[in-house]
Amino acid sequence: MTATTTEHEKPQLSKSRELIVAVAIVLTQFVQMIPFGAGITAAVAIGKDLGADQYASAWIAASYPLTQGAYVLMGGRLGQIYGHKNVLMVAGVWWVILTLVSGFTRNLIALCTLRGLTGIGGAFMLPNSLALLTITFPPGRMRNITVSLFGAMAPVGAAGGSIWPGLFVQLTPWKYLFIFLSLLGAVIFTVFFFVVPSEGEPFDKGAALDWVGAYLGTTGLVLFNFVWNQAPSVGWDEPYEYALLFVSVLHLAGFIIWERNIAKVPILPFDIWTAPSFAPMIAAAFITFMAVGVVIWYISIWEYQIRGYTLLLLGASYSTLAVCGAGAAFASGKAIRILPAQYIMVIGAVATAVSNILLATMPAHQTYWAQVFPALICLAFGPDFIFTAAQIIASNAVKRRHQGIAGSLVGTVASYGMSTGLGVASTVEVYTNGHGKKQIQGFRHALYLGVGMASLAAIIALMSVRIPKDTREGWDEDDDPDPRPEETRAEVTQ
């Protein structure tokens, strides 16, 4: 005789064990966000050492979030097939090894390539970490807290990553930055392996990955991003820029057609778009994160190149973002239960717009406390409110089996948005800085573009997002706690 083991029959975690598990999962997000901040702060210094100019050096910063965003959807789907914890551990090993190897290259193209490959590991971590959180913690107070902590790791990890280049790039050969990051990752992923329980049998164990959809989606995203981040270096006079842009759009259009009409098991189930206000919520989040990428890049460039900050001082300036980001994450977790989602997203978008305005209007030389300091305070509320609101809304809007997909989509929006925003803004800078003679003018125009992006996101959220505040505790009754086919569920002998 056999009986099926469901989620409700699994032993419940104690409060202390829940806390340990949550911290271990959240730390994986912290680790994989560090290279984003480290890349932005160290890009110009490392690029200079490798003989590259500012615009070519920007690839050191952009290559990691490019793949970090483009491959997230594939990472979420692989988690459904092979198990979220299993995929995260493989991604962690991949990330540690490639981070270590990156420190020993002496060529810009090789370094950017390795950073991009490392970003694939980050892409596979993000949705599976989120899936483990949202599967472990059902809708309610504990989920809101853990997802808020997870969201806080974006600014905290990026700000923390900005500090390390000052210690390792300024004071030692820059290879030690990558050696340190690989050792830190090894410690975190080892703790994760022993502390975090598996979610059990994978939801789609034995299913085939939609390779056609994966190819069309990731190739389209990579090429589209490449075009915009390459444009500042080579300009739009290069024919291959237009050719690659056209090819990327064809791939993305093909992805939509394939996933919607042909794929038997799509990598991105289109039924998740039927959730109320889901599409405009994703659009507003993506545009806001583009503006966030603009702020982070131009704070670093302005302080390092114009005001002569050392890398140590530049890293220290981002401590404001780390501290305020942690506070903003907790505030967003509370707000999601008090305010409708559109108002939380509007707050995040407006805070990002204000941050761009403060930077765009500041004089070339000025004390840090006058405008950069308040800009970083505002910026902390931008990505935190947007990410936390988007992730909680997305995870609460889909069934338990689609938690990885929801996490994948929001992860793509965050990482890919920041990288794409950096490329678009840099393109505006290059074409408005008087061929390099009016550098500050170029910076201002790029930042005003960020203002426009964030303002547009606020309008979209206010006009089109209509999701009431979420006060649920636990899964809905019609949400099967273990929606896998009966034959794939774990069986135990009675």
Foldseek 3Di string as FASTA:
>chain_A
DWDFDFPVNDDADDPVLLVLLLVLLLVLLLLLLLQLLLLLQCQQVLCVQLPHHPLLSVLSNQLQLLLLQQQLLVLLLVCLAPFLLVQLLVLLVQLLVLLLVLLPDSHSVVNSVSSNSSSNSNSNSQLSSQLLLCLSAPPALSSLLSLLSSLLSNLQSSLVSLQLCLVDVVPHPNSVSSVVSSVVSVVSSVSNVVSHDTPAFRQNYPDDAPVLLSCLRSLLSSLCLCLLSCCLVPNPVDPVSVVSPVVSVVSVVVNVCCQPPPDPDHSANPVLVVFALLVLLLVLLLLLLLLLLLLSNLLSCLCVPQVPDRSNRSSVLSVLLSVLLSVLSVVLSVVLQPFFLLVLQLLLLVLSLQLLVLLLPDDSDDDCPPRVNSSSNSNSSNSSSSLSSQLSVSCQRDFSSCSSSSSSSSSSSNSSSSSSSVSNLSSQLCVQCPNVVNNSRSSSRSSVVSSVSSVVSSCSSVPRHDGGRDRDRGHDPPRRSRPHPPVSGDMDDD
